[in-house]
Amino acid sequence: MTAQKLFALLLSLVFLHATVGLATAQEKKVANPCAANPCAAKPAMKAKTAEGTVKSVSATTLVVEGKDKKEWSFTISGAVAEAAKKLKAGDTVSISYTEANGKMMAGKITAKAAKMEKKAVNPCAAKNPCAAKKH
């Protein structure tokens, strides 16, 4: 073999090695990392809250009216349904819920204490200094 043929063969091998190295070094870029693993867990749904007055309670549904007179119907089950049995129409509640498939699923129901109205204080009522003295 001549030196030119040996040089051409060596140059071809170097070029081939470099091309194979570049091809294996490239990575596939995935636009959505979750798409690569369809079995990956989905992110948890964000809980929302609502406050209002109980309109009605059944074994599977709780209807609440908000301050703006809008009514919400929540699906209840399990421990939430058990807690809802203690509620009655007119009770003020706060509800933590999630939305799935067009339904609002109640996760936690908290009954609010009824606000007591303060009675006007009459300074004359305590000692009655305003009343005429009887002799």
C-alpha atoms as a PDB file:
ATOM      1  CA  MET A   1       0.000   0.000   0.000  1.00  0.00           C
ATOM      2  CA  THR A   2       1.122   3.373  -0.821  1.00  0.00           C
ATOM      3  CA  ALA A   3       1.257   6.238   1.615  1.00  0.00           C
ATOM      4  CA  GLN A   4      -1.569   8.044  -0.209  1.00  0.00           C
ATOM      5  CA  LYS A   5      -3.908   5.062   0.100  1.00  0.00           C
ATOM      6  CA  LEU A   6      -2.997   4.601   3.755  1.00  0.00           C
ATOM      7  CA  PHE A   7      -3.603   8.306   4.447  1.00  0.00           C
ATOM      8  CA  ALA A   8      -7.019   8.167   2.646  1.00  0.00           C
ATOM      9  CA  LEU A   9      -8.019   5.070   4.631  1.00  0.00           C
ATOM     10  CA  LEU A  10      -7.012   6.690   7.939  1.00  0.00           C
ATOM     11  CA  LEU A  11      -8.838   9.914   7.064  1.00  0.00           C
ATOM     12  CA  SER A  12     -11.980   7.920   6.166  1.00  0.00           C
ATOM     13  CA  LEU A  13     -11.910   6.090   9.502  1.00  0.00           C
ATOM     14  CA  VAL A  14     -11.520   9.374  11.447  1.00  0.00           C
ATOM     15  CA  PHE A  15     -14.425  10.933   9.520  1.00  0.00           C
ATOM     16  CA  LEU A  16     -16.608   7.837  10.091  1.00  0.00           C
ATOM     17  CA  HIS A  17     -15.830   7.807  13.823  1.00  0.00           C
ATOM     18  CA  ALA A  18     -16.657  11.536  14.163  1.00  0.00           C
ATOM     19  CA  THR A  19     -19.978  11.110  12.323  1.00  0.00           C
ATOM     20  CA  VAL A  20     -21.059   8.172  14.485  1.00  0.00           C
ATOM     21  CA  GLY A  21     -20.078  10.092  17.633  1.00  0.00           C
ATOM     22  CA  LEU A  22     -22.201  13.102  16.646  1.00  0.00           C
ATOM     23  CA  ALA A  23     -25.182  10.930  15.789  1.00  0.00           C
ATOM     24  CA  THR A  24     -25.167   9.180  19.166  1.00  0.00           C
ATOM     25  CA  ALA A  25     -24.618  12.424  21.106  1.00  0.00           C
ATOM     26  CA  GLN A  26     -27.827  14.018  19.843  1.00  0.00           C
ATOM     27  CA  GLU A  27     -30.822  13.813  22.182  1.00  0.00           C
ATOM     28  CA  LYS A  28     -34.455  13.640  21.303  1.00  0.00           C
ATOM     29  CA  LYS A  29     -36.173  16.740  22.619  1.00  0.00           C
ATOM     30  CA  VAL A  30     -39.696  16.205  23.904  1.00  0.00           C
ATOM     31  CA  ALA A  31     -42.035  19.222  23.903  1.00  0.00           C
ATOM     32  CA  ASN A  32     -44.090  17.972  26.865  1.00  0.00           C
ATOM     33  CA  PRO A  33     -42.115  15.959  29.432  1.00  0.00           C
ATOM     34  CA  CYS A  34     -45.312  14.337  30.703  1.00  0.00           C
ATOM     35  CA  ALA A  35     -46.094  13.046  27.202  1.00  0.00           C
ATOM     36  CA  ALA A  36     -42.989  10.860  27.315  1.00  0.00           C
ATOM     37  CA  ASN A  37     -44.358   9.023  30.356  1.00  0.00           C
ATOM     38  CA  PRO A  38     -48.129   8.596  30.097  1.00  0.00           C
ATOM     39  CA  CYS A  39     -48.133   6.660  33.374  1.00  0.00           C
ATOM     40  CA  ALA A  40     -46.837   9.655  35.341  1.00  0.00           C
ATOM     41  CA  ALA A  41     -49.135  10.957  38.054  1.00  0.00           C
ATOM     42  CA  LYS A  42     -51.349  13.876  37.104  1.00  0.00           C
ATOM     43  CA  PRO A  43     -51.094  17.001  39.235  1.00  0.00           C
ATOM     44  CA  ALA A  44     -53.661  17.233  42.013  1.00  0.00           C
ATOM     45  CA  MET A  45     -56.702  19.405  41.397  1.00  0.00           C
ATOM     46  CA  LYS A  46     -56.627  22.749  43.109  1.00  0.00           C
ATOM     47  CA  ALA A  47     -59.168  23.090  45.895  1.00  0.00           C
ATOM     48  CA  LYS A  48     -61.519  26.066  45.827  1.00  0.00           C
ATOM     49  CA  THR A  49     -63.669  27.512  48.595  1.00  0.00           C
ATOM     50  CA  ALA A  50     -67.187  28.870  48.776  1.00  0.00           C
ATOM     51  CA  GLU A  51     -69.171  30.439  51.604  1.00  0.00           C
ATOM     52  CA  GLY A  52     -72.896  30.822  51.951  1.00  0.00           C
ATOM     53  CA  THR A  53     -76.143  29.770  53.560  1.00  0.00           C
ATOM     54  CA  VAL A  54     -77.439  26.205  53.407  1.00  0.00           C
ATOM     55  CA  LYS A  55     -80.583  25.946  51.275  1.00  0.00           C
ATOM     56  CA  SER A  56     -81.030  22.160  51.431  1.00  0.00           C
ATOM     57  CA  VAL A  57     -79.203  18.957  52.370  1.00  0.00           C
ATOM     58  CA  SER A  58     -79.782  15.424  51.056  1.00  0.00           C
ATOM     59  CA  ALA A  59     -77.776  12.197  51.290  1.00  0.00           C
ATOM     60  CA  THR A  60     -75.708  13.072  48.191  1.00  0.00           C
ATOM     61  CA  THR A  61     -76.176  16.821  47.605  1.00  0.00           C
ATOM     62  CA  LEU A  62     -75.696  20.074  49.485  1.00  0.00           C
ATOM     63  CA  VAL A  63     -77.187  23.263  48.030  1.00  0.00           C
ATOM     64  CA  VAL A  64     -75.713  26.559  49.244  1.00  0.00           C
ATOM     65  CA  GLU A  65     -76.692  30.137  48.412  1.00  0.00           C
ATOM     66  CA  GLY A  66     -73.909  32.731  48.260  1.00  0.00           C
ATOM     67  CA  LYS A  67     -74.027  36.414  49.184  1.00  0.00           C
ATOM     68  CA  ASP A  68     -74.837  37.274  45.570  1.00  0.00           C
ATOM     69  CA  LYS A  69     -77.924  34.975  45.738  1.00  0.00           C
ATOM     70  CA  LYS A  70     -76.216  32.480  43.415  1.00  0.00           C
ATOM     71  CA  GLU A  71     -76.875  28.826  44.298  1.00  0.00           C
ATOM     72  CA  TRP A  72     -74.229  26.104  44.188  1.00  0.00           C
ATOM     73  CA  SER A  73     -74.939  22.389  44.276  1.00  0.00           C
ATOM     74  CA  PHE A  74     -72.152  20.272  45.793  1.00  0.00           C
ATOM     75  CA  THR A  75     -71.885  16.496  45.537  1.00  0.00           C
ATOM     76  CA  ILE A  76     -71.160  14.960  48.950  1.00  0.00           C
ATOM     77  CA  SER A  77     -70.176  11.450  50.023  1.00  0.00           C
ATOM     78  CA  GLY A  78     -68.489   9.537  52.825  1.00  0.00           C
ATOM     79  CA  ALA A  79     -67.379  11.528  55.860  1.00  0.00           C
ATOM     80  CA  VAL A  80     -68.480  14.799  54.253  1.00  0.00           C
ATOM     81  CA  ALA A  81     -72.031  13.460  53.877  1.00  0.00           C
ATOM     82  CA  GLU A  82     -72.002  12.374  57.524  1.00  0.00           C
ATOM     83  CA  ALA A  83     -70.927  15.859  58.616  1.00  0.00           C
ATOM     84  CA  ALA A  84     -73.579  17.445  56.388  1.00  0.00           C
ATOM     85  CA  LYS A  85     -76.338  15.529  58.216  1.00  0.00           C
ATOM     86  CA  LYS A  86     -75.876  17.937  61.141  1.00  0.00           C
ATOM     87  CA  LEU A  87     -76.599  20.966  58.942  1.00  0.00           C
ATOM     88  CA  LYS A  88     -79.997  22.534  58.443  1.00  0.00           C
ATOM     89  CA  ALA A  89     -81.388  25.204  56.142  1.00  0.00           C
ATOM     90  CA  GLY A  90     -80.189  28.652  57.183  1.00  0.00           C
ATOM     91  CA  ASP A  91     -76.804  27.529  58.577  1.00  0.00           C
ATOM     92  CA  THR A  92     -73.779  29.471  57.342  1.00  0.00           C
ATOM     93  CA  VAL A  93     -71.021  27.236  55.956  1.00  0.00           C
ATOM     94  CA  SER A  94     -67.615  27.356  54.304  1.00  0.00           C
ATOM     95  CA  ILE A  95     -66.938  24.594  51.776  1.00  0.00           C
ATOM     96  CA  SER A  96     -63.641  23.407  50.310  1.00  0.00           C
ATOM     97  CA  TYR A  97     -64.308  21.694  46.972  1.00  0.00           C
ATOM     98  CA  THR A  98     -62.808  20.535  43.672  1.00  0.00           C
ATOM     99  CA  GLU A  99     -64.351  20.478  40.217  1.00  0.00           C
ATOM    100  CA  ALA A 100     -64.250  17.324  38.098  1.00  0.00           C
ATOM    101  CA  ASN A 101     -66.338  16.397  35.079  1.00  0.00           C
ATOM    102  CA  GLY A 102     -68.592  19.401  35.570  1.00  0.00           C
ATOM    103  CA  LYS A 103     -69.412  18.498  39.194  1.00  0.00           C
ATOM    104  CA  MET A 104     -68.366  20.281  42.366  1.00  0.00           C
ATOM    105  CA  MET A 105     -67.198  17.685  44.898  1.00  0.00           C
ATOM    106  CA  ALA A 106     -67.201  18.920  48.499  1.00  0.00           C
ATOM    107  CA  GLY A 107     -64.043  17.936  50.368  1.00  0.00           C
ATOM    108  CA  LYS A 108     -64.642  19.690  53.678  1.00  0.00           C
ATOM    109  CA  ILE A 109     -67.580  21.536  55.194  1.00  0.00           C
ATOM    110  CA  THR A 110     -67.114  23.950  58.086  1.00  0.00           C
ATOM    111  CA  ALA A 111     -70.158  25.405  59.841  1.00  0.00           C
ATOM    112  CA  LYS A 112     -69.751  29.039  60.840  1.00  0.00           C
ATOM    113  CA  ALA A 113     -71.030  30.251  64.204  1.00  0.00           C
ATOM    114  CA  ALA A 114     -74.092  32.451  63.921  1.00  0.00           C
ATOM    115  CA  LYS A 115     -73.280  36.102  64.482  1.00  0.00           C
ATOM    116  CA  MET A 116     -75.045  37.493  67.482  1.00  0.00           C
ATOM    117  CA  GLU A 117     -76.513  40.953  67.143  1.00  0.00           C
ATOM    118  CA  LYS A 118     -75.512  43.431  69.799  1.00  0.00           C
ATOM    119  CA  LYS A 119     -78.385  45.117  71.533  1.00  0.00           C
ATOM    120  CA  ALA A 120     -78.262  48.844  71.943  1.00  0.00           C
ATOM    121  CA  VAL A 121     -77.097  49.781  75.391  1.00  0.00           C
ATOM    122  CA  ASN A 122     -79.439  52.092  77.269  1.00  0.00           C
ATOM    123  CA  PRO A 123     -77.492  53.979  79.937  1.00  0.00           C
ATOM    124  CA  CYS A 124     -80.713  54.590  81.821  1.00  0.00           C
ATOM    125  CA  ALA A 125     -81.553  50.926  82.085  1.00  0.00           C
ATOM    126  CA  ALA A 126     -78.775  50.014  84.525  1.00  0.00           C
ATOM    127  CA  LYS A 127     -79.276  52.511  87.329  1.00  0.00           C
ATOM    128  CA  ASN A 128     -82.339  54.214  85.961  1.00  0.00           C
ATOM    129  CA  PRO A 129     -81.147  57.769  86.723  1.00  0.00           C
ATOM    130  CA  CYS A 130     -83.563  59.091  84.115  1.00  0.00           C
ATOM    131  CA  ALA A 131     -86.637  57.889  85.960  1.00  0.00           C
ATOM    132  CA  ALA A 132     -88.318  60.299  88.333  1.00  0.00           C
ATOM    133  CA  LYS A 133     -87.636  59.552  91.967  1.00  0.00           C
ATOM    134  CA  LYS A 134     -90.621  58.521  93.984  1.00  0.00           C
ATOM    135  CA  HIS A 135     -90.837  59.686  97.551  1.00  0.00           C
END
